[in-house]
């Protein structure tokens, strides 16, 4: 019986079909020729002693090495890159089809035989990996097709494809186990390409198709022009993030590359990147698409070793619209996604009544706390400041009841405030409103703590609504955008988060409304410390995604 072998397969875009186009210019792979004439590039490292041998004083010989390869194979008029070991980071981010692995897998697997999923919430860049002990359909993975992008999926193969491969995992690349000998590899890749081109996934996994990748080059050009304009103007809707799952149990910092030496940064931010660009003598407003793809975001561990490298372009999260095309477009992990107008219309119709046309003081205070204390509390006579307070049981995660509380009619109004329309911040804001009500509704001790908090600030504060569980939730979003935009002022995925929070709270019979307030404060950037010299980890980079 033939032995099954694992392959990690990338489908190269037509413009990047040759190795010299597909590989990064600074790769250090060694070019060789495989038996069938396929271009092959090797990565290897001599055997070295690991750091922990010296650390623990181990005298026995301990050696570790690294080996990997990228093999380029043509089939069905396309070029495939087969990667082995941690070598995929040597491929240009823009060289391969990002939907190849996932779409092929969705077409090939049984809908009720899913074992593992990876999801991305573009609003927060939150990544979640879910694995079940038994095969199940997508609903068992709590996948929310309205607000999440399915990044990876593993499942059992449909009977008609089992002769090709025994199992498949799809992300940007396709990971399969196959028994075909080397001579049959082009035929296998051609058959896999035909599976990729099918549209079975649109009916087999309809919930996974609310958000679709954009493939038209002319549309992509327009979207990238919009992106560059937002970079030049430092649009507050633009976000920089690490575009993969990261273990936050390990200490790490980030640095940048592309315009000279970088400092180390404790967190990922556009302010850091813009500061790095400016310090390197470049002009942010003149950055090109090639610059964004050439400039790098590096993840550096506690030993000053660069563990992963991503292009700035792939690390940007952005949302925009085009005048001549319907829909909203969202950039995440180097891929543009389009959301259909009918879905947007349904979302807008739902949210417009949630937004109230209320005149609130425009923010002039430096911080959110100062805005709450110095502007919102005076705006609502009889209100109290609860920003940074806590109603959760002792020893448990702190739960802030709200930022500002007041009594209107028979209700206690809990107002939650957020500066700016960054999607991840707004998602946290909306979830905070739900979490606070869930705790106050279900925990008498939490209600007693809330009464104590408000009475400490105002001895005459009416706590009757707390005893009667009569609550209302308000969200105040401070933005430089026009308050008349209503829900359109929020990023798409923030609107989805607000609708989810609104549904949850109204099901609990808690009224909800959202309000926009102006922002008259300019943002400044803090200086960072100088970055020491770093070195790359063996094989380094993105790994086989």
Protein backbone atom coordinates (compact mmCIF):
# COMPACT_ATOMS: atom_id res chain seq x y z
CA UNK A 1 0.00 0.00 0.00
CA UNK A 2 1.32 3.42 -0.97
CA UNK A 3 2.29 5.70 1.87
CA UNK A 4 0.28 8.92 2.33
CA UNK A 5 2.40 12.07 2.24
CA UNK A 6 1.47 15.53 3.44
CA UNK A 7 1.62 18.48 1.06
CA UNK A 8 1.19 22.17 1.73
CA UNK A 9 0.08 23.73 -1.56
CA UNK A 10 -0.17 27.37 -2.66
CA UNK A 11 -1.78 28.41 -5.94
CA UNK A 12 0.28 31.20 -7.47
CA UNK A 13 -1.41 34.10 -9.21
CA UNK A 14 -0.84 34.23 -12.94
CA UNK A 15 1.38 37.32 -12.65
CA UNK A 16 3.64 35.49 -10.17
CA UNK A 17 3.93 32.11 -11.90
CA UNK A 18 7.73 32.06 -12.04
CA UNK A 19 9.96 31.56 -8.98
CA UNK A 20 11.74 34.87 -9.53
CA UNK A 21 8.37 36.66 -9.31
CA UNK A 22 6.87 34.55 -6.53
CA UNK A 23 9.81 34.59 -4.11
CA UNK A 24 10.76 37.59 -2.02
CA UNK A 25 13.78 39.44 -3.34
CA UNK A 26 15.72 38.96 -0.10
CA UNK A 27 15.19 35.21 0.24
CA UNK A 28 18.29 33.12 1.05
CA UNK A 29 17.08 29.83 -0.41
CA UNK A 30 19.41 27.74 -2.54
CA UNK A 31 18.14 26.91 -6.03
CA UNK A 32 18.45 23.28 -7.14
CA UNK A 33 16.69 21.12 -9.73
CA UNK A 34 14.35 18.26 -8.84
CA UNK A 35 14.31 14.98 -10.76
CA UNK A 36 11.44 16.10 -13.01
CA UNK A 37 13.00 19.48 -13.72
CA UNK A 38 10.76 21.33 -11.30
CA UNK A 39 12.40 24.49 -9.89
CA UNK A 40 13.26 23.76 -6.28
CA UNK A 41 14.61 26.03 -3.55
CA UNK A 42 16.14 24.66 -0.37
CA UNK A 43 16.43 26.12 3.13
CA UNK A 44 18.85 24.52 5.55
CA UNK A 45 20.86 25.33 8.62
CA UNK A 46 23.86 23.56 10.10
CA UNK A 47 23.43 21.61 13.31
CA UNK A 48 23.83 23.92 16.29
CA UNK A 49 23.53 23.58 20.03
CA UNK A 50 20.21 24.93 21.39
CA UNK A 51 20.41 27.77 23.91
CA UNK A 52 19.04 25.62 26.74
CA UNK A 53 22.03 23.25 26.56
CA UNK A 54 24.34 25.98 27.87
CA UNK A 55 21.67 27.46 30.13
CA UNK A 56 21.28 24.20 32.08
CA UNK A 57 24.92 23.19 31.79
CA UNK A 58 24.23 20.00 29.80
CA UNK A 59 27.55 18.45 28.79
CA UNK A 60 26.20 15.79 26.42
CA UNK A 61 26.21 16.73 22.75
CA UNK A 62 22.86 18.19 21.70
CA UNK A 63 22.31 19.39 18.14
CA UNK A 64 19.34 20.74 16.25
CA UNK A 65 19.01 21.66 12.59
CA UNK A 66 16.49 22.90 10.07
CA UNK A 67 15.61 21.87 6.53
CA UNK A 68 12.84 22.93 4.18
CA UNK A 69 12.04 23.46 0.53
CA UNK A 70 9.72 25.10 -1.99
CA UNK A 71 9.00 23.17 -5.18
CA UNK A 72 7.26 24.85 -8.13
CA UNK A 73 5.06 22.56 -10.24
CA UNK A 74 2.95 23.46 -13.28
CA UNK A 75 -0.46 21.87 -13.85
CA UNK A 76 -3.61 22.88 -15.76
CA UNK A 77 -1.95 26.06 -16.96
CA UNK A 78 -1.24 27.26 -13.41
CA UNK A 79 1.81 27.14 -11.15
CA UNK A 80 1.67 25.65 -7.66
CA UNK A 81 4.20 26.18 -4.89
CA UNK A 82 4.61 23.16 -2.60
CA UNK A 83 6.24 24.14 0.68
CA UNK A 84 7.98 21.91 3.21
CA UNK A 85 9.19 23.05 6.60
CA UNK A 86 8.89 26.71 7.57
CA UNK A 87 9.61 28.15 4.13
CA UNK A 88 6.30 29.68 2.99
CA UNK A 89 7.33 33.06 4.40
CA UNK A 90 9.75 33.29 1.46
CA UNK A 91 6.76 33.69 -0.90
CA UNK A 92 5.60 37.22 -1.57
CA UNK A 93 2.37 38.03 0.24
CA UNK A 94 0.75 39.06 -3.02
CA UNK A 95 2.00 36.07 -5.04
CA UNK A 96 -0.69 33.50 -4.24
CA UNK A 97 -4.47 33.17 -4.20
CA UNK A 98 -5.57 33.71 -0.61
CA UNK A 99 -8.83 31.82 -1.01
CA UNK A 100 -7.33 28.73 -2.66
CA UNK A 101 -7.04 26.46 0.36
CA UNK A 102 -10.30 27.40 2.05
CA UNK A 103 -12.44 27.41 -1.08
CA UNK A 104 -11.02 24.05 -2.23
CA UNK A 105 -11.72 22.58 1.20
CA UNK A 106 -15.29 23.95 1.32
CA UNK A 107 -15.91 22.36 -2.08
CA UNK A 108 -14.35 19.03 -1.11
CA UNK A 109 -15.51 18.29 2.45
CA UNK A 110 -18.79 16.86 3.66
CA UNK A 111 -20.86 19.70 5.24
CA UNK A 112 -21.69 17.55 8.26
CA UNK A 113 -18.17 16.20 8.72
CA UNK A 114 -16.24 19.24 9.99
CA UNK A 115 -13.62 18.69 12.67
CA UNK A 116 -11.78 22.00 13.09
CA UNK A 117 -12.28 25.69 12.23
CA UNK A 118 -10.27 28.89 12.49
CA UNK A 119 -12.27 32.12 12.43
CA UNK A 120 -11.38 35.79 12.15
CA UNK A 121 -13.55 38.59 13.49
CA UNK A 122 -12.43 41.56 11.35
CA UNK A 123 -13.91 44.05 13.82
CA UNK A 124 -11.48 43.06 16.56
CA UNK A 125 -8.95 40.97 14.59
CA UNK A 126 -9.90 38.26 17.09
CA UNK A 127 -8.96 34.76 16.02
CA UNK A 128 -10.62 31.67 17.37
CA UNK A 129 -9.73 28.03 16.79
CA UNK A 130 -12.47 25.50 17.56
CA UNK A 131 -12.02 21.74 17.54
CA UNK A 132 -14.66 19.10 18.27
CA UNK A 133 -14.00 15.49 19.28
CA UNK A 134 -16.44 14.28 16.61
CA UNK A 135 -17.32 15.46 13.11
CA UNK A 136 -20.20 17.94 12.99
CA UNK A 137 -21.72 20.62 10.76
CA UNK A 138 -20.67 24.26 10.91
CA UNK A 139 -23.44 25.30 13.30
CA UNK A 140 -21.82 23.30 16.11
CA UNK A 141 -18.76 25.55 15.88
CA UNK A 142 -20.79 28.68 16.79
CA UNK A 143 -19.72 30.23 13.51
CA UNK A 144 -21.37 33.63 12.93
CA UNK A 145 -21.40 34.20 9.20
CA UNK A 146 -22.64 37.76 9.72
CA UNK A 147 -19.58 38.94 11.58
CA UNK A 148 -16.80 36.41 11.07
CA UNK A 149 -14.60 35.26 8.22
CA UNK A 150 -13.85 31.57 8.03
CA UNK A 151 -10.05 31.41 7.73
CA UNK A 152 -9.43 27.67 7.93
CA UNK A 153 -11.44 24.48 8.02
CA UNK A 154 -10.66 20.76 8.35
CA UNK A 155 -13.09 17.99 7.53
CA UNK A 156 -13.78 14.60 5.97
CA UNK A 157 -13.70 14.46 2.17
CA UNK A 158 -16.72 13.83 -0.03
CA UNK A 159 -16.72 10.31 -1.58
CA UNK A 160 -16.08 11.62 -5.11
CA UNK A 161 -12.78 13.21 -4.03
CA UNK A 162 -11.39 10.53 -1.73
CA UNK A 163 -9.25 9.10 -4.52
CA UNK A 164 -7.43 12.44 -4.63
CA UNK A 165 -6.71 12.98 -0.94
CA UNK A 166 -7.79 11.50 2.36
CA UNK A 167 -8.29 14.73 4.30
CA UNK A 168 -7.91 18.45 3.71
CA UNK A 169 -7.28 21.61 5.70
CA UNK A 170 -7.82 24.87 3.89
CA UNK A 171 -6.60 28.36 4.64
CA UNK A 172 -4.53 30.43 2.20
CA UNK A 173 -2.77 27.18 1.43
CA UNK A 174 -4.24 23.71 1.09
CA UNK A 175 -2.86 20.95 3.29
CA UNK A 176 -3.67 17.46 2.06
CA UNK A 177 -2.49 13.90 2.55
CA UNK A 178 -2.17 12.02 -0.74
CA UNK A 179 -0.70 8.69 -1.88
CA UNK A 180 0.07 9.55 -5.52
CA UNK A 181 3.67 8.93 -6.66
CA UNK A 182 5.76 11.84 -7.89
CA UNK A 183 4.98 11.18 -11.56
CA UNK A 184 1.27 11.69 -10.86
CA UNK A 185 1.71 14.91 -8.91
CA UNK A 186 0.83 17.27 -11.81
CA UNK A 187 -2.36 15.30 -12.44
CA UNK A 188 -3.23 15.51 -8.74
CA UNK A 189 -2.66 19.27 -8.71
CA UNK A 190 -4.76 19.66 -11.85
CA UNK A 191 -7.62 17.75 -10.24
CA UNK A 192 -7.33 19.86 -7.07
CA UNK A 193 -7.46 22.99 -9.22
CA UNK A 194 -10.73 21.78 -10.76
CA UNK A 195 -12.15 21.29 -7.24
CA UNK A 196 -11.09 24.86 -6.39
CA UNK A 197 -12.98 26.24 -9.41
CA UNK A 198 -16.29 24.64 -8.41
CA UNK A 199 -19.04 26.61 -6.66
CA UNK A 200 -20.31 23.80 -4.42
CA UNK A 201 -19.38 25.85 -1.36
CA UNK A 202 -22.04 28.49 -2.09
CA UNK A 203 -24.84 26.02 -1.30
CA UNK A 204 -23.00 23.61 1.00
CA UNK A 205 -21.87 26.41 3.34
CA UNK A 206 -24.18 29.40 2.72
CA UNK A 207 -23.39 30.98 6.09
CA UNK A 208 -19.73 31.09 5.14
CA UNK A 209 -20.44 33.26 2.10
CA UNK A 210 -21.85 36.46 3.55
CA UNK A 211 -18.40 37.96 3.09
CA UNK A 212 -16.78 37.26 -0.29
CA UNK A 213 -13.22 37.97 -1.48
CA UNK A 214 -12.76 40.52 -4.28
CA UNK A 215 -10.95 39.07 -7.31
CA UNK A 216 -11.45 41.64 -10.09
CA UNK A 217 -8.07 43.40 -10.63
CA UNK A 218 -9.73 46.66 -11.70
CA UNK A 219 -11.77 46.77 -8.49
CA UNK A 220 -8.71 45.87 -6.43
CA UNK A 221 -6.82 48.80 -7.98
CA UNK A 222 -9.57 51.21 -6.93
CA UNK A 223 -9.70 49.78 -3.42
CA UNK A 224 -5.95 50.05 -3.01
CA UNK A 225 -6.11 53.68 -4.17
CA UNK A 226 -8.64 54.31 -1.40
CA UNK A 227 -6.32 52.60 1.06
CA UNK A 228 -3.38 54.82 0.08
CA UNK A 229 -5.53 57.92 0.48
CA UNK A 230 -6.48 56.80 4.00
CA UNK A 231 -2.84 56.13 4.86
CA UNK A 232 -1.89 59.59 3.62
CA UNK A 233 -4.59 61.24 5.74
CA UNK A 234 -4.01 58.90 8.70
CA UNK A 235 -7.68 57.92 8.69
CA UNK A 236 -8.81 56.86 12.17
CA UNK A 237 -10.67 53.92 10.62
CA UNK A 238 -7.35 52.38 9.55
CA UNK A 239 -5.93 49.72 11.91
CA UNK A 240 -2.60 47.87 12.04
CA UNK A 241 -2.57 44.37 13.56
CA UNK A 242 -0.61 41.12 13.60
CA UNK A 243 -2.36 39.11 10.86
CA UNK A 244 -2.16 35.67 12.47
CA UNK A 245 -2.80 33.87 15.73
CA UNK A 246 -0.22 34.94 18.31
CA UNK A 247 0.57 33.28 21.63
CA UNK A 248 0.23 36.12 24.13
CA UNK A 249 1.50 33.76 26.82
CA UNK A 250 4.95 34.52 25.40
CA UNK A 251 6.52 37.95 25.78
CA UNK A 252 6.96 39.73 22.48
CA UNK A 253 7.43 43.16 20.98
CA UNK A 254 7.23 44.43 17.43
CA UNK A 255 9.56 46.32 15.13
CA UNK A 256 9.40 47.57 11.56
CA UNK A 257 11.63 47.28 8.51
CA UNK A 258 11.84 49.01 5.16
CA UNK A 259 13.25 52.50 5.81
CA UNK A 260 16.15 51.83 8.15
CA UNK A 261 16.69 50.84 11.74
CA UNK A 262 13.61 50.42 13.92
CA UNK A 263 12.78 50.87 17.57
CA UNK A 264 11.01 48.17 19.57
CA UNK A 265 7.34 48.73 20.35
CA UNK A 266 5.37 47.07 23.11
CA UNK A 267 2.23 46.97 20.98
CA UNK A 268 1.16 47.12 17.34
CA UNK A 269 -0.09 50.54 16.25
CA UNK A 270 -0.21 52.77 13.19
CA UNK A 271 1.25 55.59 15.25
CA UNK A 272 4.33 53.42 15.77
CA UNK A 273 4.60 52.60 12.07
CA UNK A 274 4.06 56.20 10.98
CA UNK A 275 6.66 57.32 13.51
CA UNK A 276 9.12 54.75 12.14
CA UNK A 277 8.50 55.89 8.56
CA UNK A 278 9.00 59.54 9.47
CA UNK A 279 12.18 58.83 11.48
CA UNK A 280 13.55 56.97 8.44
CA UNK A 281 13.23 60.08 6.29
CA UNK A 282 10.14 58.99 4.33
CA UNK A 283 6.87 60.88 4.07
CA UNK A 284 3.72 59.08 5.20
CA UNK A 285 1.56 60.94 2.68
CA UNK A 286 3.79 59.70 -0.16
CA UNK A 287 3.76 55.99 0.71
CA UNK A 288 2.96 53.75 -2.27
CA UNK A 289 1.35 50.34 -2.47
CA UNK A 290 4.80 48.86 -3.13
CA UNK A 291 6.04 50.57 0.05
CA UNK A 292 3.24 49.00 2.10
CA UNK A 293 4.08 45.58 0.66
CA UNK A 294 7.82 46.08 1.08
CA UNK A 295 7.74 47.51 4.60
CA UNK A 296 7.56 44.84 7.28
CA UNK A 297 6.04 44.27 10.70
CA UNK A 298 8.29 42.00 12.78
CA UNK A 299 7.28 40.04 15.87
CA UNK A 300 10.27 39.81 18.23
CA UNK A 301 10.44 37.46 21.21
CA UNK A 302 11.97 38.06 24.64
CA UNK A 303 15.37 36.84 23.34
CA UNK A 304 15.37 39.52 20.63
CA UNK A 305 14.78 36.87 17.95
CA UNK A 306 12.46 37.80 15.08
CA UNK A 307 9.84 35.05 15.10
CA UNK A 308 7.58 36.24 12.30
CA UNK A 309 7.55 38.87 9.59
CA UNK A 310 4.57 40.28 7.72
CA UNK A 311 4.16 43.00 5.14
CA UNK A 312 2.47 46.17 6.37
CA UNK A 313 -0.14 45.71 3.65
CA UNK A 314 -1.12 42.30 4.98
CA UNK A 315 -1.25 43.71 8.52
CA UNK A 316 -3.72 46.52 7.73
CA UNK A 317 -7.43 46.37 8.51
CA UNK A 318 -9.55 48.87 6.58
CA UNK A 319 -13.07 49.43 5.30
CA UNK A 320 -14.32 51.61 2.47
CA UNK A 321 -16.86 52.04 -0.32
CA UNK A 322 -16.54 52.81 -4.04
CA UNK A 323 -18.68 55.37 -5.85
CA UNK A 324 -19.29 53.21 -8.92
CA UNK A 325 -19.87 49.88 -7.15
CA UNK A 326 -22.43 48.70 -4.64
CA UNK A 327 -21.46 47.15 -1.35
CA UNK A 328 -18.92 47.74 1.40
CA UNK A 329 -15.34 46.53 1.08
CA UNK A 330 -13.19 45.31 3.94
CA UNK A 331 -9.42 44.69 3.89
CA UNK A 332 -8.15 42.00 6.23
CA UNK A 333 -4.93 39.92 6.07
CA UNK A 334 -4.06 41.27 2.63
CA UNK A 335 -7.43 40.32 1.11
CA UNK A 336 -10.31 42.59 0.15
CA UNK A 337 -13.82 41.36 0.96
CA UNK A 338 -17.14 42.62 -0.36
CA UNK A 339 -20.45 42.66 1.52
CA UNK A 340 -23.61 42.70 -0.59
CA UNK A 341 -25.97 45.67 -0.61
CA UNK A 342 -29.03 43.68 0.44
CA UNK A 343 -27.28 42.59 3.59
CA UNK A 344 -26.14 46.16 4.26
CA UNK A 345 -29.65 47.46 3.67
CA UNK A 346 -31.08 45.00 6.19
CA UNK A 347 -28.42 46.00 8.71
CA UNK A 348 -29.02 49.73 8.18
CA UNK A 349 -32.79 49.32 8.45
CA UNK A 350 -32.34 47.55 11.76
CA UNK A 351 -29.90 50.06 13.27
CA UNK A 352 -31.29 53.42 12.18
CA UNK A 353 -33.99 53.45 14.90
CA UNK A 354 -31.30 52.57 17.47
CA UNK A 355 -29.43 55.85 16.85
CA UNK A 356 -30.81 58.90 18.59
CA UNK A 357 -30.33 62.46 17.30
CA UNK A 358 -29.21 63.89 20.63
CA UNK A 359 -26.98 66.94 20.97
CA UNK A 360 -24.01 65.95 23.14
CA UNK A 361 -20.97 68.06 24.07
CA UNK A 362 -18.12 67.70 21.61
CA UNK A 363 -15.06 66.24 23.24
CA UNK A 364 -12.37 68.77 24.18
CA UNK A 365 -10.86 66.83 27.11
CA UNK A 366 -7.61 64.92 26.64
CA UNK A 367 -8.82 61.50 27.80
CA UNK A 368 -12.00 59.47 27.88
CA UNK A 369 -12.13 59.70 31.68
CA UNK A 370 -11.76 63.48 31.53
CA UNK A 371 -14.50 63.72 28.89
CA UNK A 372 -16.85 61.63 31.00
CA UNK A 373 -16.09 63.52 34.21
CA UNK A 374 -15.74 67.06 32.89
CA UNK A 375 -18.25 67.13 30.03
CA UNK A 376 -20.86 64.34 30.14
CA UNK A 377 -21.58 64.42 33.88
CA UNK A 378 -22.27 68.19 33.83
CA UNK A 379 -24.35 67.69 30.67
CA UNK A 380 -26.73 65.41 32.57
CA UNK A 381 -27.59 67.03 35.93
CA UNK A 382 -27.87 64.43 38.66
CA UNK A 383 -25.62 61.92 36.86
CA UNK A 384 -22.60 60.26 38.50
CA UNK A 385 -19.24 59.13 37.15
CA UNK A 386 -18.65 55.36 37.31
CA UNK A 387 -15.74 55.15 34.87
CA UNK A 388 -13.13 52.58 36.13
CA UNK A 389 -15.49 51.32 38.87
CA UNK A 390 -16.28 47.63 39.37
CA UNK A 391 -19.40 45.66 40.32
CA UNK A 392 -18.09 42.12 39.87
CA UNK A 393 -17.70 39.70 42.80
CA UNK A 394 -14.40 39.89 44.67
CA UNK A 395 -11.66 37.87 43.00
CA UNK A 396 -13.38 37.79 39.61
CA UNK A 397 -12.69 39.75 36.44
CA UNK A 398 -13.66 43.40 36.88
CA UNK A 399 -16.92 44.47 35.24
CA UNK A 400 -17.48 48.19 34.86
CA UNK A 401 -21.20 48.96 35.24
CA UNK A 402 -20.93 51.95 32.87
CA UNK A 403 -19.05 55.23 32.49
CA UNK A 404 -21.87 57.59 33.52
CA UNK A 405 -25.14 56.72 35.30
CA UNK A 406 -28.30 58.76 35.74
CA UNK A 407 -32.00 58.25 36.46
CA UNK A 408 -34.59 59.13 33.82
CA UNK A 409 -38.22 58.41 34.61
CA UNK A 410 -38.32 54.98 36.24
CA UNK A 411 -35.05 53.76 34.67
CA UNK A 412 -31.40 53.77 35.59
CA UNK A 413 -29.57 54.79 32.41
CA UNK A 414 -26.14 53.15 32.08
CA UNK A 415 -24.07 55.09 29.55
CA UNK A 416 -20.97 53.53 28.00
CA UNK A 417 -18.52 55.80 26.17
CA UNK A 418 -15.79 55.19 23.61
CA UNK A 419 -13.47 57.62 21.86
CA UNK A 420 -13.11 56.97 18.14
CA UNK A 421 -14.60 54.42 15.78
CA UNK A 422 -11.86 51.80 15.81
CA UNK A 423 -13.72 48.55 15.24
CA UNK A 424 -12.03 46.57 18.02
CA UNK A 425 -12.77 49.33 20.57
CA UNK A 426 -16.42 49.52 19.56
CA UNK A 427 -16.83 45.77 19.75
CA UNK A 428 -15.51 45.94 23.32
CA UNK A 429 -17.87 48.85 24.08
CA UNK A 430 -20.98 46.98 22.91
CA UNK A 431 -19.98 43.79 24.71
CA UNK A 432 -19.35 45.81 27.86
CA UNK A 433 -22.94 47.01 27.86
CA UNK A 434 -24.23 43.45 27.59
CA UNK A 435 -21.86 42.08 30.24
CA UNK A 436 -22.82 44.78 32.72
CA UNK A 437 -26.57 44.11 32.38
CA UNK A 438 -26.09 40.34 32.58
CA UNK A 439 -24.19 40.74 35.86
CA UNK A 440 -26.62 43.25 37.38
CA UNK A 441 -29.66 41.22 36.35
CA UNK A 442 -28.39 37.96 37.74
CA UNK A 443 -26.33 38.91 40.79
CA UNK A 444 -27.92 40.65 43.78
CA UNK A 445 -24.49 41.34 45.28
CA UNK A 446 -23.52 43.21 42.11
CA UNK A 447 -26.62 45.38 42.45
CA UNK A 448 -25.72 46.15 46.06
CA UNK A 449 -22.23 47.16 44.99
CA UNK A 450 -23.72 49.41 42.32
CA UNK A 451 -26.00 51.09 44.86
CA UNK A 452 -23.01 51.65 47.12
CA UNK A 453 -20.99 53.14 44.26
CA UNK A 454 -23.62 55.66 43.22
CA UNK A 455 -24.45 56.62 46.82
CA UNK A 456 -20.73 57.26 47.49
CA UNK A 457 -20.83 59.80 44.69
CA UNK A 458 -24.28 61.23 45.44
CA UNK A 459 -25.96 60.43 48.73
CA UNK A 460 -29.35 61.48 47.31
CA UNK A 461 -29.11 59.30 44.19
CA UNK A 462 -32.34 57.35 43.60
CA UNK A 463 -31.47 53.64 43.67
CA UNK A 464 -35.06 52.44 43.25
CA UNK A 465 -34.51 51.43 39.57
CA UNK A 466 -31.64 49.17 40.68
CA UNK A 467 -33.89 47.30 43.11
CA UNK A 468 -36.59 47.05 40.44
CA UNK A 469 -34.15 45.90 37.73
CA UNK A 470 -35.27 48.80 35.57
CA UNK A 471 -32.28 49.54 33.32
CA UNK A 472 -31.55 51.27 30.02
CA UNK A 473 -28.29 51.11 28.09
CA UNK A 474 -26.78 53.95 26.07
CA UNK A 475 -23.69 53.94 23.89
CA UNK A 476 -21.92 57.25 23.25
CA UNK A 477 -19.39 57.13 20.41
CA UNK A 478 -17.07 60.12 20.12
CA UNK A 479 -15.94 60.65 16.52
CA UNK A 480 -14.71 63.25 14.09
CA UNK A 481 -17.27 61.97 11.59
CA UNK A 482 -20.57 63.71 10.93
CA UNK A 483 -23.07 62.81 13.66
CA UNK A 484 -25.80 62.84 11.04
CA UNK A 485 -24.37 59.67 9.50
CA UNK A 486 -25.92 57.55 12.23
CA UNK A 487 -24.94 53.87 11.89
CA UNK A 488 -22.99 54.65 8.70
CA UNK A 489 -20.36 56.38 10.88
CA UNK A 490 -19.41 52.98 12.30
CA UNK A 491 -17.29 50.36 10.54
CA UNK A 492 -19.32 47.52 9.06
CA UNK A 493 -18.33 44.94 11.63
CA UNK A 494 -18.97 47.37 14.45
CA UNK A 495 -22.51 47.78 13.16
CA UNK A 496 -22.86 44.02 13.22
CA UNK A 497 -21.53 43.95 16.80
CA UNK A 498 -24.01 46.66 17.82
CA UNK A 499 -26.91 44.74 16.28
CA UNK A 500 -25.86 41.61 18.16
CA UNK A 501 -25.66 43.55 21.46
CA UNK A 502 -29.00 45.25 20.77
CA UNK A 503 -30.72 41.91 20.14
CA UNK A 504 -29.29 40.44 23.32
CA UNK A 505 -30.32 43.40 25.48
CA UNK A 506 -33.80 43.78 24.00
CA UNK A 507 -34.37 40.08 24.57
CA UNK A 508 -33.63 40.89 28.21
CA UNK A 509 -36.20 43.73 27.93
CA UNK A 510 -33.53 46.41 28.32
CA UNK A 511 -33.98 49.41 25.96
CA UNK A 512 -30.87 50.43 23.99
CA UNK A 513 -29.86 53.49 22.04
CA UNK A 514 -26.65 54.80 20.47
CA UNK A 515 -25.50 58.40 20.08
CA UNK A 516 -22.65 60.15 18.29
CA UNK A 517 -20.66 63.00 19.81
CA UNK A 518 -18.15 65.27 18.10
CA UNK A 519 -14.40 65.15 18.70
CA UNK A 520 -12.31 68.33 18.69
CA UNK A 521 -9.06 66.86 20.05
CA UNK A 522 -5.97 66.24 17.91
CA UNK A 523 -4.01 63.01 18.46
CA UNK A 524 -0.28 63.01 19.29
CA UNK A 525 2.28 60.20 19.06
CA UNK A 526 4.56 59.13 21.91
CA UNK A 527 8.28 58.47 21.35
CA UNK A 528 9.54 54.89 21.67
CA UNK A 529 12.85 53.43 22.79
CA UNK A 530 15.64 52.39 20.42
CA UNK A 531 15.52 48.84 19.08
CA UNK A 532 18.55 46.61 19.72
CA UNK A 533 19.94 44.42 16.96
CA UNK A 534 17.85 41.32 16.28
CA UNK A 535 18.36 38.09 14.43
CA UNK A 536 15.90 35.84 12.68
CA UNK A 537 14.80 32.50 14.03
CA UNK A 538 15.67 29.41 11.99
CA UNK A 539 13.26 29.24 9.11
CA UNK A 540 11.65 32.44 10.57
CA UNK A 541 8.65 34.26 9.20
CA UNK A 542 5.07 33.34 8.58
CA UNK A 543 5.43 29.59 8.37
CA UNK A 544 3.04 27.46 6.31
CA UNK A 545 -0.21 29.29 6.81
